[in-house]
Amino acid sequence: MLIPVAGLLVGVLLGLALGVDVGFEFARYTAVAILAAVDSVLGAIRAELDGVYDNKIFISGFLVNAMVAVLLTFVGDRLGLDLYLVALLTFGLRIFQNVALIRRHFL
């Protein structure tokens, strides 16, 4: 459970320390990628609490979710559709579900 949380914290701190500036044209891609990362980390925490955490599943899920979400956003941009909203909605729902399950575990 510590590896995903540590990775998220290191990434946030590096982003803040380096002053990364994301252009407007990449804002959708960045938002989708960040939500995919948060969803994967919360899913890993939940899996650890359930006793079924596997590092291979976490890393593959992290990469595949981010790539699919960015690809969906890219295809939507090329078609003139807001397909990134599908990824945002999906990841948003999964984040809330994972947080609810983590909360239930501690209660």
C-alpha atoms as a PDB file:
ATOM      1  CA  MET A   1       0.000   0.000   0.000  1.00  0.00           C
ATOM      2  CA  LEU A   2       2.896   2.355   0.611  1.00  0.00           C
ATOM      3  CA  ILE A   3       4.300   2.154  -2.911  1.00  0.00           C
ATOM      4  CA  PRO A   4       1.277   3.715  -4.697  1.00  0.00           C
ATOM      5  CA  VAL A   5       0.865   6.431  -2.073  1.00  0.00           C
ATOM      6  CA  ALA A   6       4.595   7.206  -2.085  1.00  0.00           C
ATOM      7  CA  GLY A   7       4.598   7.378  -5.886  1.00  0.00           C
ATOM      8  CA  LEU A   8       1.649   9.751  -5.889  1.00  0.00           C
ATOM      9  CA  LEU A   9       3.282  11.994  -3.285  1.00  0.00           C
ATOM     10  CA  VAL A  10       6.624  12.044  -5.120  1.00  0.00           C
ATOM     11  CA  GLY A  11       4.860  12.909  -8.370  1.00  0.00           C
ATOM     12  CA  VAL A  12       2.895  15.752  -6.795  1.00  0.00           C
ATOM     13  CA  LEU A  13       5.981  17.140  -5.065  1.00  0.00           C
ATOM     14  CA  LEU A  14       8.046  16.953  -8.260  1.00  0.00           C
ATOM     15  CA  GLY A  15       5.300  18.691 -10.196  1.00  0.00           C
ATOM     16  CA  LEU A  16       5.118  21.482  -7.641  1.00  0.00           C
ATOM     17  CA  ALA A  17       8.897  21.832  -7.287  1.00  0.00           C
ATOM     18  CA  LEU A  18       9.585  21.883 -11.021  1.00  0.00           C
ATOM     19  CA  GLY A  19       6.780  24.327 -11.773  1.00  0.00           C
ATOM     20  CA  VAL A  20       5.394  22.295 -14.649  1.00  0.00           C
ATOM     21  CA  ASP A  21       3.252  24.444 -16.927  1.00  0.00           C
ATOM     22  CA  VAL A  22       0.674  22.576 -18.986  1.00  0.00           C
ATOM     23  CA  GLY A  23      -0.609  24.385 -22.035  1.00  0.00           C
ATOM     24  CA  PHE A  24      -4.293  24.895 -22.654  1.00  0.00           C
ATOM     25  CA  GLU A  25      -4.311  22.439 -25.552  1.00  0.00           C
ATOM     26  CA  PHE A  26      -3.147  19.648 -23.233  1.00  0.00           C
ATOM     27  CA  ALA A  27      -5.432  20.459 -20.306  1.00  0.00           C
ATOM     28  CA  ARG A  28      -7.939  17.735 -21.208  1.00  0.00           C
ATOM     29  CA  TYR A  29      -5.224  15.119 -21.548  1.00  0.00           C
ATOM     30  CA  THR A  30      -3.659  16.123 -18.249  1.00  0.00           C
ATOM     31  CA  ALA A  31      -6.984  16.063 -16.396  1.00  0.00           C
ATOM     32  CA  VAL A  32      -7.796  12.596 -17.716  1.00  0.00           C
ATOM     33  CA  ALA A  33      -4.314  11.269 -16.906  1.00  0.00           C
ATOM     34  CA  ILE A  34      -4.433  12.676 -13.353  1.00  0.00           C
ATOM     35  CA  LEU A  35      -7.831  11.109 -12.712  1.00  0.00           C
ATOM     36  CA  ALA A  36      -6.564   7.786 -14.066  1.00  0.00           C
ATOM     37  CA  ALA A  37      -3.600   7.979 -11.671  1.00  0.00           C
ATOM     38  CA  VAL A  38      -5.771   8.831  -8.656  1.00  0.00           C
ATOM     39  CA  ASP A  39      -8.187   6.025  -9.554  1.00  0.00           C
ATOM     40  CA  SER A  40      -5.328   3.523  -9.783  1.00  0.00           C
ATOM     41  CA  VAL A  41      -3.798   4.604  -6.468  1.00  0.00           C
ATOM     42  CA  LEU A  42      -7.126   4.424  -4.642  1.00  0.00           C
ATOM     43  CA  GLY A  43      -7.822   1.050  -6.238  1.00  0.00           C
ATOM     44  CA  ALA A  44      -4.433  -0.174  -5.017  1.00  0.00           C
ATOM     45  CA  ILE A  45      -5.153   1.049  -1.495  1.00  0.00           C
ATOM     46  CA  ARG A  46      -8.512  -0.695  -1.530  1.00  0.00           C
ATOM     47  CA  ALA A  47      -6.932  -3.901  -2.847  1.00  0.00           C
ATOM     48  CA  GLU A  48      -4.294  -3.772  -0.099  1.00  0.00           C
ATOM     49  CA  LEU A  49      -6.982  -3.364   2.548  1.00  0.00           C
ATOM     50  CA  ASP A  50      -8.854  -6.325   1.051  1.00  0.00           C
ATOM     51  CA  GLY A  51      -5.636  -8.364   1.069  1.00  0.00           C
ATOM     52  CA  VAL A  52      -5.494  -8.893  -2.706  1.00  0.00           C
ATOM     53  CA  TYR A  53      -2.950  -6.256  -3.785  1.00  0.00           C
ATOM     54  CA  ASP A  54      -0.628  -7.249  -6.627  1.00  0.00           C
ATOM     55  CA  ASN A  55       2.041  -4.856  -7.858  1.00  0.00           C
ATOM     56  CA  LYS A  56       1.833  -6.159 -11.450  1.00  0.00           C
ATOM     57  CA  ILE A  57      -1.896  -5.484 -11.565  1.00  0.00           C
ATOM     58  CA  PHE A  58      -1.386  -2.008 -10.116  1.00  0.00           C
ATOM     59  CA  ILE A  59       1.321  -0.994 -12.599  1.00  0.00           C
ATOM     60  CA  SER A  60      -0.444  -2.486 -15.616  1.00  0.00           C
ATOM     61  CA  GLY A  61      -3.766  -0.952 -14.583  1.00  0.00           C
ATOM     62  CA  PHE A  62      -2.110   2.410 -14.016  1.00  0.00           C
ATOM     63  CA  LEU A  63      -0.502   2.441 -17.468  1.00  0.00           C
ATOM     64  CA  VAL A  64      -3.380   0.903 -19.413  1.00  0.00           C
ATOM     65  CA  ASN A  65      -6.037   3.131 -17.800  1.00  0.00           C
ATOM     66  CA  ALA A  66      -3.999   6.252 -18.519  1.00  0.00           C
ATOM     67  CA  MET A  67      -3.274   5.229 -22.117  1.00  0.00           C
ATOM     68  CA  VAL A  68      -6.879   4.291 -22.895  1.00  0.00           C
ATOM     69  CA  ALA A  69      -8.180   7.517 -21.359  1.00  0.00           C
ATOM     70  CA  VAL A  70      -5.696   9.666 -23.289  1.00  0.00           C
ATOM     71  CA  LEU A  71      -6.414   7.731 -26.497  1.00  0.00           C
ATOM     72  CA  LEU A  72     -10.148   8.230 -25.993  1.00  0.00           C
ATOM     73  CA  THR A  73      -9.556  11.942 -25.483  1.00  0.00           C
ATOM     74  CA  PHE A  74      -7.372  12.107 -28.594  1.00  0.00           C
ATOM     75  CA  VAL A  75      -9.950  10.310 -30.758  1.00  0.00           C
ATOM     76  CA  GLY A  76     -12.665  12.593 -29.397  1.00  0.00           C
ATOM     77  CA  ASP A  77     -10.605  15.669 -30.275  1.00  0.00           C
ATOM     78  CA  ARG A  78     -10.092  14.396 -33.825  1.00  0.00           C
ATOM     79  CA  LEU A  79     -13.811  13.657 -34.221  1.00  0.00           C
ATOM     80  CA  GLY A  80     -14.877  16.938 -32.658  1.00  0.00           C
ATOM     81  CA  LEU A  81     -16.581  15.158 -29.748  1.00  0.00           C
ATOM     82  CA  ASP A  82     -16.061  15.582 -26.038  1.00  0.00           C
ATOM     83  CA  LEU A  83     -15.208  11.923 -25.408  1.00  0.00           C
ATOM     84  CA  TYR A  84     -12.903  12.942 -22.557  1.00  0.00           C
ATOM     85  CA  LEU A  85     -16.083  13.436 -20.516  1.00  0.00           C
ATOM     86  CA  VAL A  86     -16.673   9.681 -20.670  1.00  0.00           C
ATOM     87  CA  ALA A  87     -13.293   9.037 -19.066  1.00  0.00           C
ATOM     88  CA  LEU A  88     -13.814  11.786 -16.476  1.00  0.00           C
ATOM     89  CA  LEU A  89     -17.205  10.414 -15.518  1.00  0.00           C
ATOM     90  CA  THR A  90     -15.964   6.831 -15.328  1.00  0.00           C
ATOM     91  CA  PHE A  91     -12.885   7.656 -13.268  1.00  0.00           C
ATOM     92  CA  GLY A  92     -14.865  10.008 -11.066  1.00  0.00           C
ATOM     93  CA  LEU A  93     -17.390   7.305 -10.239  1.00  0.00           C
ATOM     94  CA  ARG A  94     -14.664   4.752  -9.566  1.00  0.00           C
ATOM     95  CA  ILE A  95     -12.819   7.188  -7.304  1.00  0.00           C
ATOM     96  CA  PHE A  96     -15.938   7.757  -5.219  1.00  0.00           C
ATOM     97  CA  GLN A  97     -16.600   4.001  -5.045  1.00  0.00           C
ATOM     98  CA  ASN A  98     -13.040   3.281  -3.914  1.00  0.00           C
ATOM     99  CA  VAL A  99     -13.136   6.051  -1.307  1.00  0.00           C
ATOM    100  CA  ALA A 100     -16.438   4.688   0.008  1.00  0.00           C
ATOM    101  CA  LEU A 101     -15.024   1.171   0.293  1.00  0.00           C
ATOM    102  CA  ILE A 102     -11.848   2.431   1.990  1.00  0.00           C
ATOM    103  CA  ARG A 103     -13.972   4.441   4.427  1.00  0.00           C
ATOM    104  CA  ARG A 104     -16.130   1.404   5.182  1.00  0.00           C
ATOM    105  CA  HIS A 105     -13.032  -0.639   5.860  1.00  0.00           C
ATOM    106  CA  PHE A 106     -11.899   1.769   8.570  1.00  0.00           C
ATOM    107  CA  LEU A 107     -15.356   2.146  10.090  1.00  0.00           C
END
